[in-house]
N, C-alpha and C. Protein backbone atom coordinates (compact mmCIF):
# COMPACT_ATOMS: atom_id res chain seq x y z
N MET A 1 33.85 -2.61 -17.16
CA MET A 1 34.14 -4.03 -17.24
C MET A 1 33.27 -4.76 -16.20
N LEU A 2 32.76 -5.92 -16.60
CA LEU A 2 31.95 -6.73 -15.70
C LEU A 2 32.77 -7.20 -14.51
N SER A 3 32.18 -7.14 -13.31
CA SER A 3 32.89 -7.70 -12.16
C SER A 3 32.93 -9.21 -12.32
N LEU A 4 33.90 -9.83 -11.71
CA LEU A 4 34.05 -11.28 -11.81
C LEU A 4 32.82 -12.00 -11.26
N ASN A 5 32.30 -11.54 -10.12
CA ASN A 5 31.12 -12.18 -9.53
C ASN A 5 29.91 -12.07 -10.45
N PHE A 6 29.70 -10.90 -11.04
CA PHE A 6 28.56 -10.72 -11.93
C PHE A 6 28.73 -11.56 -13.19
N ALA A 7 29.94 -11.64 -13.70
CA ALA A 7 30.21 -12.47 -14.87
C ALA A 7 29.91 -13.94 -14.57
N ILE A 8 30.29 -14.40 -13.38
CA ILE A 8 30.00 -15.78 -12.98
C ILE A 8 28.49 -15.99 -12.86
N PHE A 9 27.80 -15.02 -12.25
CA PHE A 9 26.34 -15.07 -12.12
C PHE A 9 25.69 -15.23 -13.49
N LEU A 10 26.09 -14.40 -14.44
CA LEU A 10 25.52 -14.49 -15.79
C LEU A 10 25.86 -15.81 -16.45
N ASN A 11 27.08 -16.26 -16.30
CA ASN A 11 27.52 -17.51 -16.91
C ASN A 11 26.72 -18.71 -16.37
N LEU A 12 26.48 -18.73 -15.06
CA LEU A 12 25.71 -19.82 -14.46
C LEU A 12 24.29 -19.89 -15.01
N ARG A 13 23.77 -18.76 -15.43
CA ARG A 13 22.42 -18.70 -15.98
C ARG A 13 22.42 -18.75 -17.50
N ARG A 14 23.58 -19.06 -18.04
CA ARG A 14 23.77 -19.16 -19.50
C ARG A 14 23.37 -17.87 -20.22
N LEU A 15 23.72 -16.74 -19.59
CA LEU A 15 23.48 -15.43 -20.18
C LEU A 15 24.80 -14.84 -20.62
N SER A 16 24.76 -14.20 -21.74
CA SER A 16 25.99 -13.62 -22.28
C SER A 16 25.72 -12.17 -22.67
N VAL A 17 26.55 -11.29 -22.15
CA VAL A 17 26.44 -9.87 -22.48
C VAL A 17 27.84 -9.26 -22.45
N SER A 18 28.11 -8.43 -23.43
CA SER A 18 29.43 -7.78 -23.48
C SER A 18 29.42 -6.54 -22.60
N ASP A 19 30.61 -6.04 -22.31
CA ASP A 19 30.73 -4.80 -21.54
C ASP A 19 29.98 -3.66 -22.23
N ALA A 20 30.02 -3.63 -23.57
CA ALA A 20 29.36 -2.57 -24.32
C ALA A 20 27.84 -2.70 -24.26
N GLU A 21 27.33 -3.92 -24.21
CA GLU A 21 25.88 -4.15 -24.19
C GLU A 21 25.26 -3.98 -22.80
N LEU A 22 26.06 -4.16 -21.77
CA LEU A 22 25.54 -4.20 -20.41
C LEU A 22 24.72 -2.97 -20.01
N PRO A 23 25.17 -1.74 -20.25
CA PRO A 23 24.35 -0.58 -19.84
C PRO A 23 22.95 -0.58 -20.46
N GLY A 24 22.85 -0.94 -21.72
CA GLY A 24 21.54 -0.99 -22.39
C GLY A 24 20.66 -2.09 -21.82
N VAL A 25 21.25 -3.24 -21.55
CA VAL A 25 20.51 -4.37 -20.97
C VAL A 25 19.99 -3.99 -19.58
N LEU A 26 20.83 -3.34 -18.79
CA LEU A 26 20.42 -2.94 -17.45
C LEU A 26 19.33 -1.87 -17.49
N ARG A 27 19.41 -0.94 -18.43
CA ARG A 27 18.35 0.07 -18.59
C ARG A 27 17.03 -0.59 -18.95
N GLN A 28 17.08 -1.55 -19.86
CA GLN A 28 15.88 -2.27 -20.28
C GLN A 28 15.29 -3.07 -19.11
N ALA A 29 16.14 -3.74 -18.34
CA ALA A 29 15.68 -4.51 -17.19
C ALA A 29 15.05 -3.59 -16.15
N ARG A 30 15.65 -2.45 -15.91
CA ARG A 30 15.12 -1.49 -14.94
C ARG A 30 13.76 -0.96 -15.39
N ALA A 31 13.63 -0.64 -16.67
CA ALA A 31 12.36 -0.15 -17.20
C ALA A 31 11.27 -1.20 -17.05
N GLU A 32 11.59 -2.44 -17.33
CA GLU A 32 10.63 -3.53 -17.18
C GLU A 32 10.24 -3.70 -15.71
N TYR A 33 11.23 -3.64 -14.82
CA TYR A 33 10.98 -3.80 -13.39
C TYR A 33 10.07 -2.70 -12.86
N LEU A 34 10.24 -1.48 -13.34
CA LEU A 34 9.48 -0.34 -12.84
C LEU A 34 8.19 -0.08 -13.61
N ALA A 35 7.87 -0.93 -14.58
CA ALA A 35 6.64 -0.75 -15.37
C ALA A 35 5.42 -0.89 -14.45
N GLY A 36 4.52 0.07 -14.52
CA GLY A 36 3.34 0.04 -13.67
C GLY A 36 3.64 0.50 -12.26
N ASP A 37 2.59 0.77 -11.51
CA ASP A 37 2.78 1.28 -10.14
C ASP A 37 3.10 0.17 -9.15
N ASN A 38 2.50 -0.99 -9.33
CA ASN A 38 2.61 -2.07 -8.36
C ASN A 38 2.81 -3.39 -9.10
N ARG A 39 3.65 -4.25 -8.52
CA ARG A 39 3.91 -5.51 -9.20
C ARG A 39 4.41 -6.55 -8.21
N LEU A 40 4.00 -7.79 -8.45
CA LEU A 40 4.47 -8.92 -7.67
C LEU A 40 5.24 -9.84 -8.60
N TYR A 41 6.45 -10.20 -8.21
CA TYR A 41 7.33 -11.04 -9.03
C TYR A 41 7.48 -12.40 -8.37
N LEU A 42 7.13 -13.45 -9.09
CA LEU A 42 7.19 -14.82 -8.61
C LEU A 42 8.33 -15.54 -9.33
N CYS A 43 9.32 -15.99 -8.57
CA CYS A 43 10.45 -16.70 -9.18
C CYS A 43 9.96 -18.02 -9.77
N ALA A 44 10.27 -18.23 -11.04
CA ALA A 44 9.87 -19.46 -11.73
C ALA A 44 11.09 -20.29 -12.13
N ALA A 45 12.23 -19.98 -11.52
CA ALA A 45 13.47 -20.71 -11.82
C ALA A 45 13.70 -21.80 -10.77
N GLN A 46 14.71 -22.61 -11.00
CA GLN A 46 15.09 -23.63 -10.02
C GLN A 46 15.84 -22.96 -8.88
N PRO A 47 15.70 -23.33 -7.65
CA PRO A 47 14.85 -24.41 -7.14
C PRO A 47 13.44 -23.95 -6.77
N CYS A 48 13.14 -22.66 -6.95
CA CYS A 48 11.84 -22.14 -6.52
C CYS A 48 10.67 -22.91 -7.13
N CYS A 49 10.71 -23.10 -8.45
CA CYS A 49 9.55 -23.71 -9.11
C CYS A 49 9.27 -25.12 -8.61
N ASP A 50 10.29 -25.84 -8.14
CA ASP A 50 10.07 -27.19 -7.62
C ASP A 50 9.50 -27.18 -6.20
N GLN A 51 9.60 -26.07 -5.51
CA GLN A 51 9.18 -26.02 -4.10
C GLN A 51 7.83 -25.34 -3.90
N VAL A 52 7.27 -24.79 -4.96
CA VAL A 52 5.95 -24.15 -4.88
C VAL A 52 4.88 -25.23 -4.75
N ARG A 53 4.04 -25.08 -3.73
CA ARG A 53 2.95 -26.05 -3.53
C ARG A 53 1.59 -25.35 -3.62
N PHE A 54 1.50 -24.34 -4.49
CA PHE A 54 0.23 -23.70 -4.78
C PHE A 54 0.13 -23.56 -6.28
N ASP A 55 -1.08 -23.40 -6.77
CA ASP A 55 -1.31 -23.30 -8.21
C ASP A 55 -0.76 -21.97 -8.73
N ASN A 56 0.25 -22.04 -9.55
CA ASN A 56 0.80 -20.82 -10.15
C ASN A 56 0.69 -20.86 -11.67
N SER A 57 -0.37 -21.49 -12.14
CA SER A 57 -0.64 -21.52 -13.58
C SER A 57 -0.97 -20.11 -14.06
N GLU A 58 -0.84 -19.88 -15.34
CA GLU A 58 -1.10 -18.55 -15.91
C GLU A 58 -2.52 -18.08 -15.60
N ILE A 59 -3.51 -18.96 -15.73
CA ILE A 59 -4.89 -18.57 -15.49
C ILE A 59 -5.11 -18.19 -14.02
N THR A 60 -4.50 -18.94 -13.11
CA THR A 60 -4.63 -18.64 -11.68
C THR A 60 -3.94 -17.32 -11.35
N LEU A 61 -2.75 -17.09 -11.94
CA LEU A 61 -2.05 -15.82 -11.69
C LEU A 61 -2.82 -14.64 -12.26
N GLU A 62 -3.46 -14.82 -13.43
CA GLU A 62 -4.26 -13.74 -14.01
C GLU A 62 -5.44 -13.41 -13.10
N THR A 63 -6.10 -14.44 -12.56
CA THR A 63 -7.22 -14.22 -11.64
C THR A 63 -6.74 -13.51 -10.37
N ALA A 64 -5.65 -13.99 -9.80
CA ALA A 64 -5.10 -13.37 -8.59
C ALA A 64 -4.69 -11.93 -8.86
N SER A 65 -4.16 -11.68 -10.04
CA SER A 65 -3.75 -10.33 -10.42
C SER A 65 -4.95 -9.38 -10.44
N ARG A 66 -6.05 -9.83 -11.03
CA ARG A 66 -7.26 -9.00 -11.06
C ARG A 66 -7.81 -8.78 -9.65
N GLU A 67 -7.84 -9.85 -8.85
CA GLU A 67 -8.38 -9.75 -7.49
C GLU A 67 -7.54 -8.83 -6.61
N ALA A 68 -6.21 -8.92 -6.74
CA ALA A 68 -5.32 -8.12 -5.90
C ALA A 68 -5.11 -6.71 -6.45
N GLY A 69 -5.40 -6.52 -7.73
CA GLY A 69 -5.23 -5.20 -8.33
C GLY A 69 -3.79 -4.83 -8.63
N LEU A 70 -2.97 -5.85 -8.93
CA LEU A 70 -1.59 -5.59 -9.33
C LEU A 70 -1.14 -6.65 -10.32
N THR A 71 -0.15 -6.30 -11.11
CA THR A 71 0.41 -7.23 -12.08
C THR A 71 1.24 -8.27 -11.35
N ILE A 72 1.08 -9.53 -11.74
CA ILE A 72 1.89 -10.62 -11.21
C ILE A 72 2.69 -11.19 -12.37
N SER A 73 4.01 -11.23 -12.20
CA SER A 73 4.90 -11.69 -13.27
C SER A 73 5.80 -12.80 -12.77
N LYS A 74 5.99 -13.81 -13.61
CA LYS A 74 6.99 -14.83 -13.31
C LYS A 74 8.34 -14.31 -13.76
N THR A 75 9.38 -14.63 -12.98
CA THR A 75 10.72 -14.15 -13.30
C THR A 75 11.71 -15.31 -13.32
N GLY A 76 12.92 -14.98 -13.68
CA GLY A 76 14.04 -15.89 -13.50
C GLY A 76 14.51 -15.78 -12.06
N CYS A 77 15.68 -16.30 -11.80
CA CYS A 77 16.23 -16.35 -10.45
C CYS A 77 16.30 -14.94 -9.83
N GLN A 78 15.85 -14.85 -8.59
CA GLN A 78 15.91 -13.59 -7.86
C GLN A 78 17.04 -13.56 -6.83
N GLY A 79 17.77 -14.67 -6.71
CA GLY A 79 18.96 -14.64 -5.87
C GLY A 79 19.05 -15.60 -4.71
N PRO A 80 18.28 -15.39 -3.65
CA PRO A 80 18.49 -16.20 -2.44
C PRO A 80 17.85 -17.59 -2.53
N CYS A 81 18.42 -18.45 -3.33
CA CYS A 81 17.85 -19.77 -3.62
C CYS A 81 17.69 -20.66 -2.38
N LYS A 82 18.52 -20.46 -1.38
CA LYS A 82 18.41 -21.28 -0.17
C LYS A 82 17.11 -21.01 0.57
N GLN A 83 16.43 -19.91 0.25
CA GLN A 83 15.18 -19.55 0.91
C GLN A 83 13.99 -19.71 -0.03
N ALA A 84 14.14 -20.55 -1.05
CA ALA A 84 13.10 -20.74 -2.06
C ALA A 84 11.82 -21.30 -1.45
N PRO A 85 10.70 -20.99 -2.07
CA PRO A 85 10.47 -20.09 -3.20
C PRO A 85 10.40 -18.62 -2.79
N ILE A 86 10.81 -17.77 -3.71
CA ILE A 86 10.96 -16.33 -3.48
C ILE A 86 9.91 -15.55 -4.27
N LEU A 87 9.35 -14.54 -3.64
CA LEU A 87 8.50 -13.56 -4.31
C LEU A 87 9.01 -12.18 -3.93
N SER A 88 8.94 -11.26 -4.86
CA SER A 88 9.30 -9.86 -4.59
C SER A 88 8.10 -8.99 -4.92
N LEU A 89 7.79 -8.08 -4.01
CA LEU A 89 6.68 -7.17 -4.17
C LEU A 89 7.22 -5.76 -4.33
N ARG A 90 6.74 -5.06 -5.35
CA ARG A 90 7.10 -3.65 -5.54
C ARG A 90 5.82 -2.84 -5.53
N ILE A 91 5.73 -1.91 -4.59
CA ILE A 91 4.63 -0.95 -4.52
C ILE A 91 5.26 0.41 -4.70
N GLY A 92 5.03 1.02 -5.85
CA GLY A 92 5.70 2.28 -6.17
C GLY A 92 7.20 2.09 -6.16
N GLU A 93 7.89 2.84 -5.34
CA GLU A 93 9.35 2.75 -5.24
C GLU A 93 9.80 1.81 -4.12
N ARG A 94 8.85 1.26 -3.38
CA ARG A 94 9.19 0.38 -2.25
C ARG A 94 9.22 -1.08 -2.69
N ASN A 95 10.15 -1.82 -2.12
CA ASN A 95 10.32 -3.24 -2.46
C ASN A 95 10.36 -4.07 -1.20
N GLN A 96 9.82 -5.28 -1.30
CA GLN A 96 9.89 -6.24 -0.20
C GLN A 96 10.03 -7.63 -0.80
N MET A 97 10.99 -8.40 -0.29
CA MET A 97 11.16 -9.77 -0.74
C MET A 97 10.57 -10.70 0.30
N PHE A 98 9.89 -11.74 -0.16
CA PHE A 98 9.29 -12.75 0.71
C PHE A 98 9.95 -14.08 0.39
N ALA A 99 10.40 -14.78 1.45
CA ALA A 99 11.10 -16.06 1.28
C ALA A 99 10.22 -17.21 1.77
N GLU A 100 10.47 -18.37 1.21
CA GLU A 100 9.79 -19.61 1.60
C GLU A 100 8.28 -19.50 1.48
N VAL A 101 7.83 -18.89 0.38
CA VAL A 101 6.40 -18.77 0.08
C VAL A 101 6.01 -20.02 -0.70
N ALA A 102 5.73 -21.09 0.02
CA ALA A 102 5.53 -22.38 -0.62
C ALA A 102 4.08 -22.83 -0.69
N THR A 103 3.27 -22.48 0.31
CA THR A 103 1.92 -23.02 0.39
C THR A 103 0.88 -22.00 -0.08
N GLU A 104 -0.33 -22.49 -0.28
CA GLU A 104 -1.45 -21.61 -0.64
C GLU A 104 -1.65 -20.55 0.44
N LYS A 105 -1.52 -20.94 1.71
CA LYS A 105 -1.67 -19.99 2.81
C LYS A 105 -0.60 -18.89 2.74
N ASP A 106 0.66 -19.28 2.45
CA ASP A 106 1.75 -18.30 2.30
C ASP A 106 1.44 -17.34 1.15
N TRP A 107 0.99 -17.90 0.02
CA TRP A 107 0.69 -17.13 -1.19
C TRP A 107 -0.40 -16.10 -0.88
N ARG A 108 -1.47 -16.54 -0.21
CA ARG A 108 -2.57 -15.63 0.13
C ARG A 108 -2.10 -14.54 1.10
N ALA A 109 -1.21 -14.87 2.00
CA ALA A 109 -0.68 -13.88 2.95
C ALA A 109 0.10 -12.79 2.21
N VAL A 110 0.88 -13.18 1.20
CA VAL A 110 1.62 -12.19 0.42
C VAL A 110 0.66 -11.32 -0.39
N LEU A 111 -0.37 -11.94 -0.99
CA LEU A 111 -1.36 -11.15 -1.73
C LEU A 111 -2.08 -10.17 -0.81
N PHE A 112 -2.39 -10.60 0.41
CA PHE A 112 -3.03 -9.69 1.37
C PHE A 112 -2.08 -8.55 1.74
N ALA A 113 -0.80 -8.87 1.94
CA ALA A 113 0.20 -7.83 2.25
C ALA A 113 0.29 -6.82 1.11
N ALA A 114 0.22 -7.32 -0.12
CA ALA A 114 0.27 -6.42 -1.29
C ALA A 114 -0.97 -5.52 -1.31
N TRP A 115 -2.12 -6.11 -1.12
CA TRP A 115 -3.36 -5.34 -1.11
C TRP A 115 -3.33 -4.30 -0.01
N ASP A 116 -2.87 -4.71 1.18
CA ASP A 116 -2.79 -3.80 2.31
C ASP A 116 -1.82 -2.64 2.04
N ALA A 117 -0.68 -2.95 1.42
CA ALA A 117 0.33 -1.92 1.14
C ALA A 117 -0.18 -0.92 0.10
N MET A 118 -1.07 -1.37 -0.79
CA MET A 118 -1.60 -0.47 -1.82
C MET A 118 -2.75 0.40 -1.29
N SER A 119 -3.29 0.03 -0.14
CA SER A 119 -4.45 0.78 0.42
C SER A 119 -4.03 2.08 1.05
């Protein structure tokens, strides 16, 4: 059975899943999250998307992805909205969340951290 907090979380995001569907949905989400060796996740939900002050257009993200050598994906809410904008970096099995990544300088620092972690 879904916990009350998780049910509220899903409801706030207008997501609906039954107790029977949840294990399959979670398996699918996990497989997507772990796809590839390295990945950077950029929150594109509110309030993050309103606080980003760097170009996060698809073409710019594709270029940054090639330059950094990792997949960059836009996501829904990652959780800590009070610290928006949020990025999460996964290198293999290791994860790191970055908060308040708002400026071009912040964005480049995270890309450098990703490149450094992959070296």
